[in-house]
C-alpha atoms as a PDB file:
ATOM      1  CA  MET A   1       0.000   0.000   0.000  1.00  0.00           C
ATOM      2  CA  SER A   2       1.466   3.320  -1.056  1.00  0.00           C
ATOM      3  CA  ARG A   3       1.264   5.985   1.626  1.00  0.00           C
ATOM      4  CA  LEU A   4       0.304   9.592   1.060  1.00  0.00           C
ATOM      5  CA  ILE A   5       3.643  10.946   2.288  1.00  0.00           C
ATOM      6  CA  ARG A   6       6.977   9.424   1.323  1.00  0.00           C
ATOM      7  CA  ALA A   7      10.671  10.066   1.741  1.00  0.00           C
ATOM      8  CA  VAL A   8      12.528   8.947  -1.371  1.00  0.00           C
ATOM      9  CA  ILE A   9      16.191   8.150  -0.642  1.00  0.00           C
ATOM     10  CA  ASP A  10      18.480   8.452  -3.668  1.00  0.00           C
ATOM     11  CA  THR A  11      21.478   6.169  -3.117  1.00  0.00           C
ATOM     12  CA  ALA A  12      23.123   7.354  -6.335  1.00  0.00           C
ATOM     13  CA  ALA A  13      23.184  10.858  -4.817  1.00  0.00           C
ATOM     14  CA  LEU A  14      24.749   9.428  -1.652  1.00  0.00           C
ATOM     15  CA  ARG A  15      27.551   7.846  -3.642  1.00  0.00           C
ATOM     16  CA  SER A  16      28.023  10.992  -5.700  1.00  0.00           C
ATOM     17  CA  ASN A  17      28.322  13.051  -2.516  1.00  0.00           C
ATOM     18  CA  LEU A  18      30.891  10.624  -1.122  1.00  0.00           C
ATOM     19  CA  ASP A  19      32.894  11.000  -4.339  1.00  0.00           C
ATOM     20  CA  ARG A  20      32.754  14.788  -3.964  1.00  0.00           C
ATOM     21  CA  ILE A  21      33.844  14.516  -0.334  1.00  0.00           C
ATOM     22  CA  ARG A  22      36.768  12.276  -1.286  1.00  0.00           C
ATOM     23  CA  SER A  23      37.811  14.830  -3.883  1.00  0.00           C
ATOM     24  CA  ALA A  24      37.801  17.566  -1.232  1.00  0.00           C
ATOM     25  CA  ALA A  25      39.504  15.335   1.342  1.00  0.00           C
ATOM     26  CA  GLY A  26      42.452  14.427  -0.845  1.00  0.00           C
ATOM     27  CA  ARG A  27      44.453  11.643   0.792  1.00  0.00           C
ATOM     28  CA  ARG A  28      42.461  11.736   4.015  1.00  0.00           C
ATOM     29  CA  ARG A  29      40.270   8.764   4.796  1.00  0.00           C
ATOM     30  CA  VAL A  30      36.520   9.142   5.266  1.00  0.00           C
ATOM     31  CA  LEU A  31      34.543   8.175   8.355  1.00  0.00           C
ATOM     32  CA  ALA A  32      30.945   8.564   7.183  1.00  0.00           C
ATOM     33  CA  VAL A  33      28.667   9.705  10.003  1.00  0.00           C
ATOM     34  CA  VAL A  34      25.384   7.776   9.982  1.00  0.00           C
ATOM     35  CA  LYS A  35      24.116   8.541  13.492  1.00  0.00           C
ATOM     36  CA  ALA A  36      20.483   9.464  14.192  1.00  0.00           C
ATOM     37  CA  ASN A  37      19.299   6.808  11.739  1.00  0.00           C
ATOM     38  CA  GLY A  38      21.493   8.213   9.015  1.00  0.00           C
ATOM     39  CA  TYR A  39      20.225  11.755   9.644  1.00  0.00           C
ATOM     40  CA  GLY A  40      16.715  10.429   9.063  1.00  0.00           C
ATOM     41  CA  HIS A  41      17.604   8.631   5.828  1.00  0.00           C
ATOM     42  CA  GLY A  42      17.887   5.131   7.307  1.00  0.00           C
ATOM     43  CA  ALA A  43      21.267   4.144   8.749  1.00  0.00           C
ATOM     44  CA  SER A  44      21.449   0.679   7.210  1.00  0.00           C
ATOM     45  CA  THR A  45      20.323   2.006   3.817  1.00  0.00           C
ATOM     46  CA  VAL A  46      23.012   4.685   3.931  1.00  0.00           C
ATOM     47  CA  ALA A  47      25.724   2.303   5.106  1.00  0.00           C
ATOM     48  CA  ARG A  48      24.960  -0.220   2.365  1.00  0.00           C
ATOM     49  CA  ALA A  49      25.087   2.555  -0.241  1.00  0.00           C
ATOM     50  CA  LEU A  50      28.362   3.923   1.117  1.00  0.00           C
ATOM     51  CA  GLY A  51      30.402   0.751   0.985  1.00  0.00           C
ATOM     52  CA  ALA A  52      33.297   2.813  -0.373  1.00  0.00           C
ATOM     53  CA  ALA A  53      33.622   4.719   2.913  1.00  0.00           C
ATOM     54  CA  ASP A  54      36.534   3.722   5.153  1.00  0.00           C
ATOM     55  CA  ALA A  55      34.492   3.567   8.365  1.00  0.00           C
ATOM     56  CA  PHE A  56      31.186   4.659   9.859  1.00  0.00           C
ATOM     57  CA  GLY A  57      30.438   6.849  12.864  1.00  0.00           C
ATOM     58  CA  VAL A  58      27.405   6.593  15.138  1.00  0.00           C
ATOM     59  CA  ALA A  59      26.629   8.349  18.387  1.00  0.00           C
ATOM     60  CA  ARG A  60      25.670   5.458  20.660  1.00  0.00           C
ATOM     61  CA  LEU A  61      26.024   1.754  21.264  1.00  0.00           C
ATOM     62  CA  ASP A  62      22.520   0.802  20.118  1.00  0.00           C
ATOM     63  CA  GLU A  63      23.150   2.477  16.760  1.00  0.00           C
ATOM     64  CA  GLY A  64      26.340   0.484  16.255  1.00  0.00           C
ATOM     65  CA  VAL A  65      24.598  -2.746  17.238  1.00  0.00           C
ATOM     66  CA  ALA A  66      21.826  -2.042  14.726  1.00  0.00           C
ATOM     67  CA  LEU A  67      24.367  -1.629  11.921  1.00  0.00           C
ATOM     68  CA  ARG A  68      26.076  -4.888  12.841  1.00  0.00           C
ATOM     69  CA  ASP A  69      22.700  -6.629  12.914  1.00  0.00           C
ATOM     70  CA  ALA A  70      22.083  -5.230   9.413  1.00  0.00           C
ATOM     71  CA  GLY A  71      25.248  -6.929   8.192  1.00  0.00           C
ATOM     72  CA  VAL A  72      27.606  -3.939   8.108  1.00  0.00           C
ATOM     73  CA  THR A  73      31.209  -5.163   8.503  1.00  0.00           C
ATOM     74  CA  HIS A  74      33.083  -1.844   8.199  1.00  0.00           C
ATOM     75  CA  PRO A  75      34.792  -0.356  11.259  1.00  0.00           C
ATOM     76  CA  ILE A  76      32.139   1.460  13.321  1.00  0.00           C
ATOM     77  CA  LEU A  77      33.078   4.209  15.770  1.00  0.00           C
ATOM     78  CA  LEU A  78      30.943   5.119  18.793  1.00  0.00           C
ATOM     79  CA  LEU A  79      31.316   8.900  18.874  1.00  0.00           C
ATOM     80  CA  GLU A  80      30.092   9.140  22.479  1.00  0.00           C
ATOM     81  CA  GLY A  81      31.986   6.037  23.562  1.00  0.00           C
ATOM     82  CA  VAL A  82      30.610   3.824  26.338  1.00  0.00           C
ATOM     83  CA  VAL A  83      29.904   4.637  29.967  1.00  0.00           C
ATOM     84  CA  THR A  84      29.466   1.269  31.718  1.00  0.00           C
ATOM     85  CA  ARG A  85      31.280  -2.060  31.940  1.00  0.00           C
ATOM     86  CA  GLU A  86      28.285  -3.790  30.370  1.00  0.00           C
ATOM     87  CA  GLN A  87      28.398  -1.439  27.395  1.00  0.00           C
ATOM     88  CA  LEU A  88      32.129  -2.074  27.006  1.00  0.00           C
ATOM     89  CA  HIS A  89      31.516  -5.825  26.826  1.00  0.00           C
ATOM     90  CA  GLU A  90      28.775  -5.328  24.238  1.00  0.00           C
ATOM     91  CA  ALA A  91      31.013  -3.050  22.185  1.00  0.00           C
ATOM     92  CA  ALA A  92      33.705  -5.725  22.249  1.00  0.00           C
ATOM     93  CA  ALA A  93      31.250  -8.433  21.181  1.00  0.00           C
ATOM     94  CA  ARG A  94      30.141  -6.263  18.253  1.00  0.00           C
ATOM     95  CA  ARG A  95      33.679  -5.158  17.296  1.00  0.00           C
ATOM     96  CA  LEU A  96      32.952  -1.463  17.781  1.00  0.00           C
ATOM     97  CA  ASP A  97      35.626   1.210  18.112  1.00  0.00           C
ATOM     98  CA  LEU A  98      35.457   3.792  20.863  1.00  0.00           C
ATOM     99  CA  VAL A  99      35.896   7.512  21.278  1.00  0.00           C
ATOM    100  CA  VAL A 100      37.452   8.129  24.700  1.00  0.00           C
ATOM    101  CA  HIS A 101      36.657  11.588  26.027  1.00  0.00           C
ATOM    102  CA  GLU A 102      36.541  11.399  29.849  1.00  0.00           C
ATOM    103  CA  PRO A 103      38.488   9.721  32.676  1.00  0.00           C
ATOM    104  CA  GLY A 104      35.916   7.038  33.474  1.00  0.00           C
ATOM    105  CA  GLN A 105      36.258   5.639  29.976  1.00  0.00           C
ATOM    106  CA  VAL A 106      40.018   5.316  30.379  1.00  0.00           C
ATOM    107  CA  ALA A 107      39.434   3.477  33.656  1.00  0.00           C
ATOM    108  CA  LEU A 108      37.081   1.032  31.940  1.00  0.00           C
ATOM    109  CA  LEU A 109      39.758   0.238  29.372  1.00  0.00           C
ATOM    110  CA  GLU A 110      42.418  -0.147  32.059  1.00  0.00           C
ATOM    111  CA  ALA A 111      40.252  -2.788  33.737  1.00  0.00           C
ATOM    112  CA  TRP A 112      39.510  -4.613  30.476  1.00  0.00           C
ATOM    113  CA  ARG A 113      40.946  -8.141  30.270  1.00  0.00           C
ATOM    114  CA  GLY A 114      38.954  -9.579  27.396  1.00  0.00           C
ATOM    115  CA  PRO A 115      40.548 -10.766  24.164  1.00  0.00           C
ATOM    116  CA  HIS A 116      39.143  -7.918  22.040  1.00  0.00           C
ATOM    117  CA  ARG A 117      41.524  -5.086  21.215  1.00  0.00           C
ATOM    118  CA  PHE A 118      39.588  -1.867  20.746  1.00  0.00           C
ATOM    119  CA  GLY A 119      40.299   0.791  18.195  1.00  0.00           C
ATOM    120  CA  ILE A 120      40.467   3.972  20.271  1.00  0.00           C
ATOM    121  CA  TRP A 121      39.993   7.579  19.236  1.00  0.00           C
ATOM    122  CA  LEU A 122      41.231   9.950  21.940  1.00  0.00           C
ATOM    123  CA  LYS A 123      39.134  13.119  21.871  1.00  0.00           C
ATOM    124  CA  LEU A 124      40.626  16.450  22.890  1.00  0.00           C
ATOM    125  CA  ASP A 125      38.662  19.571  23.750  1.00  0.00           C
ATOM    126  CA  THR A 126      40.212  22.427  21.794  1.00  0.00           C
ATOM    127  CA  GLY A 127      37.351  24.893  22.206  1.00  0.00           C
ATOM    128  CA  MET A 128      34.001  23.163  21.775  1.00  0.00           C
ATOM    129  CA  HIS A 129      33.789  22.581  25.557  1.00  0.00           C
ATOM    130  CA  ARG A 130      31.384  19.694  25.208  1.00  0.00           C
ATOM    131  CA  LEU A 131      33.290  16.394  25.105  1.00  0.00           C
ATOM    132  CA  GLY A 132      37.012  15.735  25.284  1.00  0.00           C
ATOM    133  CA  PHE A 133      40.045  16.000  27.533  1.00  0.00           C
ATOM    134  CA  PRO A 134      41.647  19.429  27.972  1.00  0.00           C
ATOM    135  CA  VAL A 135      44.684  19.711  25.743  1.00  0.00           C
ATOM    136  CA  ARG A 136      46.903  20.099  28.815  1.00  0.00           C
ATOM    137  CA  GLU A 137      45.989  16.526  29.784  1.00  0.00           C
ATOM    138  CA  ALA A 138      46.605  15.037  26.349  1.00  0.00           C
ATOM    139  CA  ALA A 139      50.056  13.603  27.061  1.00  0.00           C
ATOM    140  CA  ALA A 140      49.029  12.030  30.367  1.00  0.00           C
ATOM    141  CA  VAL A 141      45.956  10.364  28.860  1.00  0.00           C
ATOM    142  CA  ARG A 142      47.969   9.188  25.866  1.00  0.00           C
ATOM    143  CA  ALA A 143      50.444   7.562  28.264  1.00  0.00           C
ATOM    144  CA  ARG A 144      47.643   5.747  30.111  1.00  0.00           C
ATOM    145  CA  LEU A 145      46.280   4.391  26.833  1.00  0.00           C
ATOM    146  CA  ALA A 146      49.764   3.235  25.808  1.00  0.00           C
ATOM    147  CA  ALA A 147      50.065   1.307  29.097  1.00  0.00           C
ATOM    148  CA  LEU A 148      46.795  -0.641  28.821  1.00  0.00           C
ATOM    149  CA  ALA A 149      47.052  -4.265  29.937  1.00  0.00           C
ATOM    150  CA  VAL A 150      45.240  -5.223  26.727  1.00  0.00           C
ATOM    151  CA  PRO A 151      46.853  -2.992  24.095  1.00  0.00           C
ATOM    152  CA  ALA A 152      44.596  -1.046  21.780  1.00  0.00           C
ATOM    153  CA  ALA A 153      44.383  -2.216  18.191  1.00  0.00           C
ATOM    154  CA  SER A 154      44.992   1.398  17.219  1.00  0.00           C
ATOM    155  CA  VAL A 155      44.936   4.831  18.820  1.00  0.00           C
ATOM    156  CA  ARG A 156      43.981   7.963  16.939  1.00  0.00           C
ATOM    157  CA  VAL A 157      43.409  11.526  18.147  1.00  0.00           C
ATOM    158  CA  MET A 158      40.497  13.782  17.256  1.00  0.00           C
ATOM    159  CA  THR A 159      38.814  17.066  18.061  1.00  0.00           C
ATOM    160  CA  HIS A 160      35.579  18.757  17.015  1.00  0.00           C
ATOM    161  CA  PHE A 161      35.105  22.257  15.640  1.00  0.00           C
ATOM    162  CA  ALA A 162      32.624  24.611  17.287  1.00  0.00           C
ATOM    163  CA  ARG A 163      32.285  27.249  14.565  1.00  0.00           C
ATOM    164  CA  ALA A 164      33.659  25.824  11.321  1.00  0.00           C
ATOM    165  CA  ASP A 165      30.395  26.752   9.581  1.00  0.00           C
ATOM    166  CA  GLU A 166      31.419  30.408  10.013  1.00  0.00           C
ATOM    167  CA  ARG A 167      34.049  30.796   7.315  1.00  0.00           C
ATOM    168  CA  ASP A 168      35.379  34.088   8.660  1.00  0.00           C
ATOM    169  CA  CYS A 169      35.534  33.081  12.332  1.00  0.00           C
ATOM    170  CA  PRO A 170      39.128  32.842  13.620  1.00  0.00           C
ATOM    171  CA  GLU A 171      38.187  30.330  16.340  1.00  0.00           C
ATOM    172  CA  THR A 172      38.524  27.365  13.989  1.00  0.00           C
ATOM    173  CA  GLY A 173      42.087  28.299  13.138  1.00  0.00           C
ATOM    174  CA  ALA A 174      42.789  28.675  16.850  1.00  0.00           C
ATOM    175  CA  GLN A 175      41.363  25.201  17.505  1.00  0.00           C
ATOM    176  CA  VAL A 176      43.595  23.730  14.813  1.00  0.00           C
ATOM    177  CA  ALA A 177      46.641  25.389  16.380  1.00  0.00           C
ATOM    178  CA  ARG A 178      45.786  24.107  19.878  1.00  0.00           C
ATOM    179  CA  PHE A 179      45.260  20.608  18.547  1.00  0.00           C
ATOM    180  CA  GLU A 180      48.460  20.501  16.537  1.00  0.00           C
ATOM    181  CA  ALA A 181      50.489  21.746  19.486  1.00  0.00           C
ATOM    182  CA  ALA A 182      49.005  19.086  21.765  1.00  0.00           C
ATOM    183  CA  VAL A 183      49.567  16.108  19.457  1.00  0.00           C
ATOM    184  CA  ALA A 184      52.756  17.136  17.652  1.00  0.00           C
ATOM    185  CA  ARG A 185      54.892  14.443  19.303  1.00  0.00           C
ATOM    186  CA  PHE A 186      52.330  11.651  19.407  1.00  0.00           C
ATOM    187  CA  GLY A 187      52.937  10.235  15.935  1.00  0.00           C
ATOM    188  CA  LEU A 188      49.281   9.153  15.723  1.00  0.00           C
ATOM    189  CA  GLU A 189      46.644   9.490  13.030  1.00  0.00           C
ATOM    190  CA  THR A 190      44.401  12.502  13.553  1.00  0.00           C
ATOM    191  CA  SER A 191      40.925  13.733  12.656  1.00  0.00           C
ATOM    192  CA  LEU A 192      39.643  17.300  12.841  1.00  0.00           C
ATOM    193  CA  CYS A 193      37.138  18.036  10.095  1.00  0.00           C
ATOM    194  CA  ASN A 194      33.388  17.625  10.008  1.00  0.00           C
ATOM    195  CA  SER A 195      31.526  18.711   6.860  1.00  0.00           C
ATOM    196  CA  ALA A 196      32.040  22.411   7.535  1.00  0.00           C
ATOM    197  CA  GLY A 197      35.700  21.888   8.364  1.00  0.00           C
ATOM    198  CA  LEU A 198      36.238  19.861   5.209  1.00  0.00           C
ATOM    199  CA  PHE A 199      34.783  22.447   2.826  1.00  0.00           C
ATOM    200  CA  GLY A 200      35.502  25.616   4.780  1.00  0.00           C
ATOM    201  CA  TRP A 201      38.941  24.933   6.233  1.00  0.00           C
ATOM    202  CA  PRO A 202      40.933  22.865   3.729  1.00  0.00           C
ATOM    203  CA  ALA A 203      44.210  23.634   5.502  1.00  0.00           C
ATOM    204  CA  ALA A 204      43.011  22.003   8.732  1.00  0.00           C
ATOM    205  CA  GLY A 205      44.638  18.742   7.688  1.00  0.00           C
ATOM    206  CA  GLY A 206      44.463  15.470   9.577  1.00  0.00           C
ATOM    207  CA  ASP A 207      44.382  11.875   8.365  1.00  0.00           C
ATOM    208  CA  TRP A 208      40.608  11.364   8.586  1.00  0.00           C
ATOM    209  CA  VAL A 209      37.540  13.491   7.868  1.00  0.00           C
ATOM    210  CA  ARG A 210      34.142  12.888   9.471  1.00  0.00           C
ATOM    211  CA  PRO A 211      31.442  14.183   7.093  1.00  0.00           C
ATOM    212  CA  GLY A 212      27.834  14.031   8.178  1.00  0.00           C
ATOM    213  CA  LEU A 213      25.503  16.646   6.717  1.00  0.00           C
ATOM    214  CA  SER A 214      27.327  16.940   3.394  1.00  0.00           C
ATOM    215  CA  LEU A 215      26.888  13.222   2.713  1.00  0.00           C
ATOM    216  CA  TYR A 216      23.162  13.848   2.565  1.00  0.00           C
ATOM    217  CA  GLY A 217      23.479  16.683   0.073  1.00  0.00           C
ATOM    218  CA  VAL A 218      23.058  19.614   2.443  1.00  0.00           C
ATOM    219  CA  SER A 219      25.331  22.631   2.772  1.00  0.00           C
ATOM    220  CA  PRO A 220      26.809  23.254   6.225  1.00  0.00           C
ATOM    221  CA  PHE A 221      27.058  26.985   5.499  1.00  0.00           C
ATOM    222  CA  ALA A 222      24.219  29.485   5.898  1.00  0.00           C
ATOM    223  CA  GLY A 223      23.382  31.175   2.620  1.00  0.00           C
ATOM    224  CA  GLU A 224      25.475  28.771   0.561  1.00  0.00           C
ATOM    225  CA  SER A 225      23.743  26.084  -1.466  1.00  0.00           C
ATOM    226  CA  ALA A 226      24.675  22.427  -1.547  1.00  0.00           C
ATOM    227  CA  ALA A 227      24.854  22.643  -5.334  1.00  0.00           C
ATOM    228  CA  SER A 228      27.608  25.250  -5.067  1.00  0.00           C
ATOM    229  CA  LEU A 229      29.644  22.654  -3.155  1.00  0.00           C
ATOM    230  CA  GLY A 230      28.964  19.966  -5.744  1.00  0.00           C
ATOM    231  CA  LEU A 231      26.486  18.086  -3.545  1.00  0.00           C
ATOM    232  CA  ALA A 232      23.128  16.567  -4.502  1.00  0.00           C
ATOM    233  CA  PRO A 233      20.093  16.179  -2.206  1.00  0.00           C
ATOM    234  CA  VAL A 234      19.549  12.590  -1.083  1.00  0.00           C
ATOM    235  CA  MET A 235      16.072  12.835   0.467  1.00  0.00           C
ATOM    236  CA  THR A 236      13.004  14.036  -1.402  1.00  0.00           C
ATOM    237  CA  LEU A 237      10.040  14.387   0.937  1.00  0.00           C
ATOM    238  CA  THR A 238       6.828  14.273  -1.070  1.00  0.00           C
ATOM    239  CA  THR A 239       3.193  14.313  -0.064  1.00  0.00           C
ATOM    240  CA  THR A 240      -0.244  14.346  -1.706  1.00  0.00           C
ATOM    241  CA  VAL A 241      -3.037  16.861  -2.170  1.00  0.00           C
ATOM    242  CA  ILE A 242      -6.062  15.438  -0.346  1.00  0.00           C
ATOM    243  CA  ALA A 243      -8.487  18.366  -0.774  1.00  0.00           C
ATOM    244  CA  THR A 244      -8.889  21.773  -2.390  1.00  0.00           C
ATOM    245  CA  ARG A 245     -10.971  24.597  -0.963  1.00  0.00           C
ATOM    246  CA  ALA A 246     -12.267  27.953  -2.060  1.00  0.00           C
ATOM    247  CA  VAL A 247     -11.584  30.468   0.703  1.00  0.00           C
ATOM    248  CA  ALA A 248     -13.373  33.791   0.516  1.00  0.00           C
ATOM    249  CA  ARG A 249     -11.642  37.039   1.339  1.00  0.00           C
ATOM    250  CA  GLY A 250     -11.511  37.502   5.107  1.00  0.00           C
ATOM    251  CA  GLU A 251     -11.955  33.822   5.974  1.00  0.00           C
ATOM    252  CA  SER A 252      -9.302  32.009   8.015  1.00  0.00           C
ATOM    253  CA  VAL A 253      -7.666  28.615   7.575  1.00  0.00           C
ATOM    254  CA  GLY A 254      -6.597  26.180  10.291  1.00  0.00           C
ATOM    255  CA  TYR A 255      -6.305  26.236  14.062  1.00  0.00           C
ATOM    256  CA  GLY A 256      -6.224  29.638  15.709  1.00  0.00           C
ATOM    257  CA  GLY A 257      -7.090  31.580  12.563  1.00  0.00           C
ATOM    258  CA  LEU A 258      -3.453  32.520  12.042  1.00  0.00           C
ATOM    259  CA  TRP A 259      -3.991  33.237   8.354  1.00  0.00           C
ATOM    260  CA  ARG A 260      -6.844  35.114   6.766  1.00  0.00           C
ATOM    261  CA  ALA A 261      -7.316  35.397   3.045  1.00  0.00           C
ATOM    262  CA  ALA A 262      -6.583  38.897   1.769  1.00  0.00           C
ATOM    263  CA  ARG A 263      -8.477  38.004  -1.436  1.00  0.00           C
ATOM    264  CA  ASP A 264     -10.685  35.229  -2.691  1.00  0.00           C
ATOM    265  CA  SER A 265      -8.266  32.301  -2.700  1.00  0.00           C
ATOM    266  CA  ARG A 266      -7.799  28.665  -3.564  1.00  0.00           C
ATOM    267  CA  VAL A 267      -6.187  26.490  -0.903  1.00  0.00           C
ATOM    268  CA  ALA A 268      -4.820  22.946  -1.242  1.00  0.00           C
ATOM    269  CA  VAL A 269      -4.736  20.676   1.814  1.00  0.00           C
ATOM    270  CA  LEU A 270      -1.753  18.296   1.919  1.00  0.00           C
ATOM    271  CA  ALA A 271      -1.246  15.085   3.890  1.00  0.00           C
ATOM    272  CA  ALA A 272       1.697  16.229   6.023  1.00  0.00           C
ATOM    273  CA  GLY A 273       1.913  17.435   9.596  1.00  0.00           C
ATOM    274  CA  TYR A 274       3.942  17.352  12.767  1.00  0.00           C
ATOM    275  CA  ALA A 275       3.183  13.639  13.199  1.00  0.00           C
ATOM    276  CA  ASP A 276       5.254  13.204  10.033  1.00  0.00           C
ATOM    277  CA  GLY A 277       8.073  15.413  11.269  1.00  0.00           C
ATOM    278  CA  LEU A 278       7.134  18.839   9.947  1.00  0.00           C
ATOM    279  CA  LEU A 279       7.761  21.560  12.482  1.00  0.00           C
ATOM    280  CA  ARG A 280       4.592  22.903  14.060  1.00  0.00           C
ATOM    281  CA  GLY A 281       6.287  26.291  14.086  1.00  0.00           C
ATOM    282  CA  LEU A 282       6.700  26.507  10.304  1.00  0.00           C
ATOM    283  CA  PRO A 283       5.476  30.032   9.590  1.00  0.00           C
ATOM    284  CA  ASN A 284       2.952  31.276   7.097  1.00  0.00           C
ATOM    285  CA  GLY A 285       4.776  31.756   3.827  1.00  0.00           C
ATOM    286  CA  ALA A 286       7.119  28.770   4.245  1.00  0.00           C
ATOM    287  CA  PRO A 287       7.586  27.284   0.755  1.00  0.00           C
ATOM    288  CA  VAL A 288       6.064  24.114  -0.663  1.00  0.00           C
ATOM    289  CA  ALA A 289       6.565  23.020  -4.279  1.00  0.00           C
ATOM    290  CA  LEU A 290       3.513  22.098  -6.391  1.00  0.00           C
ATOM    291  CA  CYS A 291       3.491  21.812 -10.160  1.00  0.00           C
ATOM    292  CA  GLY A 292       7.167  22.761 -10.056  1.00  0.00           C
ATOM    293  CA  VAL A 293       6.285  26.138  -8.527  1.00  0.00           C
ATOM    294  CA  ARG A 294       6.705  27.386  -4.956  1.00  0.00           C
ATOM    295  CA  ALA A 295       3.519  28.092  -3.048  1.00  0.00           C
ATOM    296  CA  PRO A 296       3.218  29.495   0.494  1.00  0.00           C
ATOM    297  CA  LEU A 297       2.061  27.540   3.508  1.00  0.00           C
ATOM    298  CA  VAL A 298      -0.987  29.159   5.144  1.00  0.00           C
ATOM    299  CA  GLY A 299      -2.329  28.549   8.616  1.00  0.00           C
ATOM    300  CA  ARG A 300      -0.863  26.459  11.397  1.00  0.00           C
ATOM    301  CA  VAL A 301       0.763  23.074  10.818  1.00  0.00           C
ATOM    302  CA  SER A 302      -1.498  20.451  12.399  1.00  0.00           C
ATOM    303  CA  MET A 303      -0.840  16.822  13.261  1.00  0.00           C
ATOM    304  CA  ASP A 304      -1.679  15.400   9.857  1.00  0.00           C
ATOM    305  CA  MET A 305      -2.241  18.297   7.456  1.00  0.00           C
ATOM    306  CA  ILE A 306      -0.984  21.587   6.129  1.00  0.00           C
ATOM    307  CA  ALA A 307      -2.682  24.089   3.835  1.00  0.00           C
ATOM    308  CA  VAL A 308      -1.041  25.866   0.909  1.00  0.00           C
ATOM    309  CA  ASP A 309      -2.262  28.914  -1.019  1.00  0.00           C
ATOM    310  CA  VAL A 310      -2.429  27.809  -4.672  1.00  0.00           C
ATOM    311  CA  THR A 311      -4.366  30.789  -6.002  1.00  0.00           C
ATOM    312  CA  ASP A 312      -1.580  31.772  -8.388  1.00  0.00           C
ATOM    313  CA  LEU A 313      -0.778  28.237  -9.556  1.00  0.00           C
ATOM    314  CA  PRO A 314      -2.233  26.247 -12.447  1.00  0.00           C
ATOM    315  CA  PRO A 315      -5.232  24.157 -11.388  1.00  0.00           C
ATOM    316  CA  VAL A 316      -4.372  21.864  -8.484  1.00  0.00           C
ATOM    317  CA  GLU A 317      -6.363  18.666  -8.043  1.00  0.00           C
ATOM    318  CA  VAL A 318      -6.767  15.976  -5.390  1.00  0.00           C
ATOM    319  CA  GLY A 319      -4.122  13.283  -5.794  1.00  0.00           C
ATOM    320  CA  MET A 320      -1.417  15.578  -7.150  1.00  0.00           C
ATOM    321  CA  PRO A 321       2.052  15.306  -5.561  1.00  0.00           C
ATOM    322  CA  ALA A 322       3.764  18.104  -3.680  1.00  0.00           C
ATOM    323  CA  GLU A 323       7.409  18.389  -2.654  1.00  0.00           C
ATOM    324  CA  LEU A 324       8.178  19.483   0.890  1.00  0.00           C
ATOM    325  CA  TRP A 325      11.901  19.419   0.181  1.00  0.00           C
ATOM    326  CA  GLY A 326      14.204  17.845  -2.380  1.00  0.00           C
ATOM    327  CA  PRO A 327      15.635  18.815  -5.788  1.00  0.00           C
ATOM    328  CA  ALA A 328      12.927  21.430  -6.457  1.00  0.00           C
ATOM    329  CA  LEU A 329      13.080  22.924  -2.961  1.00  0.00           C
ATOM    330  CA  ALA A 330      16.251  22.705  -0.885  1.00  0.00           C
ATOM    331  CA  VAL A 331      15.768  21.539   2.688  1.00  0.00           C
ATOM    332  CA  GLU A 332      18.071  24.394   3.748  1.00  0.00           C
ATOM    333  CA  GLU A 333      15.540  26.905   2.406  1.00  0.00           C
ATOM    334  CA  VAL A 334      12.671  25.302   4.300  1.00  0.00           C
ATOM    335  CA  ALA A 335      14.750  25.188   7.480  1.00  0.00           C
ATOM    336  CA  SER A 336      15.743  28.829   7.095  1.00  0.00           C
ATOM    337  CA  SER A 337      12.102  29.852   6.827  1.00  0.00           C
ATOM    338  CA  ALA A 338      11.506  28.177  10.199  1.00  0.00           C
ATOM    339  CA  GLY A 339      14.594  29.669  11.840  1.00  0.00           C
ATOM    340  CA  THR A 340      16.237  26.266  12.276  1.00  0.00           C
ATOM    341  CA  LEU A 341      18.753  23.956  10.603  1.00  0.00           C
ATOM    342  CA  ALA A 342      18.350  21.263   7.992  1.00  0.00           C
ATOM    343  CA  TYR A 343      19.588  18.749  10.580  1.00  0.00           C
ATOM    344  CA  GLU A 344      16.380  19.166  12.580  1.00  0.00           C
ATOM    345  CA  LEU A 345      14.105  18.667   9.587  1.00  0.00           C
ATOM    346  CA  LEU A 346      15.913  15.601   8.241  1.00  0.00           C
ATOM    347  CA  CYS A 347      16.298  13.901  11.620  1.00  0.00           C
ATOM    348  CA  GLY A 348      12.701  14.705  12.515  1.00  0.00           C
ATOM    349  CA  VAL A 349      11.043  12.725   9.709  1.00  0.00           C
ATOM    350  CA  THR A 350       9.027  10.130  11.596  1.00  0.00           C
ATOM    351  CA  GLN A 351       8.512   6.410  11.052  1.00  0.00           C
ATOM    352  CA  ARG A 352       4.991   7.086   9.776  1.00  0.00           C
ATOM    353  CA  VAL A 353       6.600   8.394   6.602  1.00  0.00           C
ATOM    354  CA  GLU A 354       7.254   5.632   4.073  1.00  0.00           C
ATOM    355  CA  ARG A 355      10.915   5.389   3.014  1.00  0.00           C
ATOM    356  CA  ILE A 356      11.538   4.400  -0.592  1.00  0.00           C
ATOM    357  CA  THR A 357      15.076   3.676  -1.717  1.00  0.00           C
ATOM    358  CA  ILE A 358      16.087   4.222  -5.323  1.00  0.00           C
END
């Protein structure tokens, strides 16, 4: 049974984006970030499509387990690491690599006596002030990892940029300098760049890049399109016209009467709402694409429906498709209209929405 609202996932676009990322990365290897169910695209679908990636990154243990259960054999890195002994044992059983960012995680590894040798990514805090050891502690933590009773299979060092999406902000350059000073004598592989770092700070270097958003064909920079970076949208969110209405001048549409017709109008009602992942706060005027033309959302987003003013469009009929975002309407533009980021829209698409992979 075909549903009224669908998210079409274009795996050819995924592979094209990975090729573009490899071109930008040069000799650096690519850890493809597929956390949050592949940014709403389906983690196992994304991982299968991106077999040419060198490794995958997820946030948490359950995400890594799900990829293993789906048959993914690539190295998988837990970006938040583990926090309990039980989680450490599960990570070992599933052959998952670990980010180590706080003292308790080092202690867990020091107590580990199992046969599995973890791949470890030591995370340093160079300015994000979220996860990671202060750079002044880098050498001491590195020494503890080198002295583990069960040696690590590999140790790498990483950091995370706080403002790489701001091309003119000097803080990213300062983070790079702090990181390089801290790890200069380690002789270990390093990773600094997320999507914004990769495209905005090519001199940041490192041995690995960790693209997330750009894999899915979205620009990490405000006001800069994905197409300008050579990226193609992966998700097309489409829905269906389920009714059309004539709305007389002065009449309102939807809960709360937030929109009133300034003229006699035609309104199309679409099968999409916050139960599908649309933001309830999408404002009047937010774009929707019908008949290849943008039309403004009118009235409040409800659980299952939105209304669109189609007065200036060619005749719109029940059953016609509409694009909420995709090739005809960039998700960045929709997010900007709501004062948020594309991340929130993509990750918010709910399980009620049918996923179709092409």
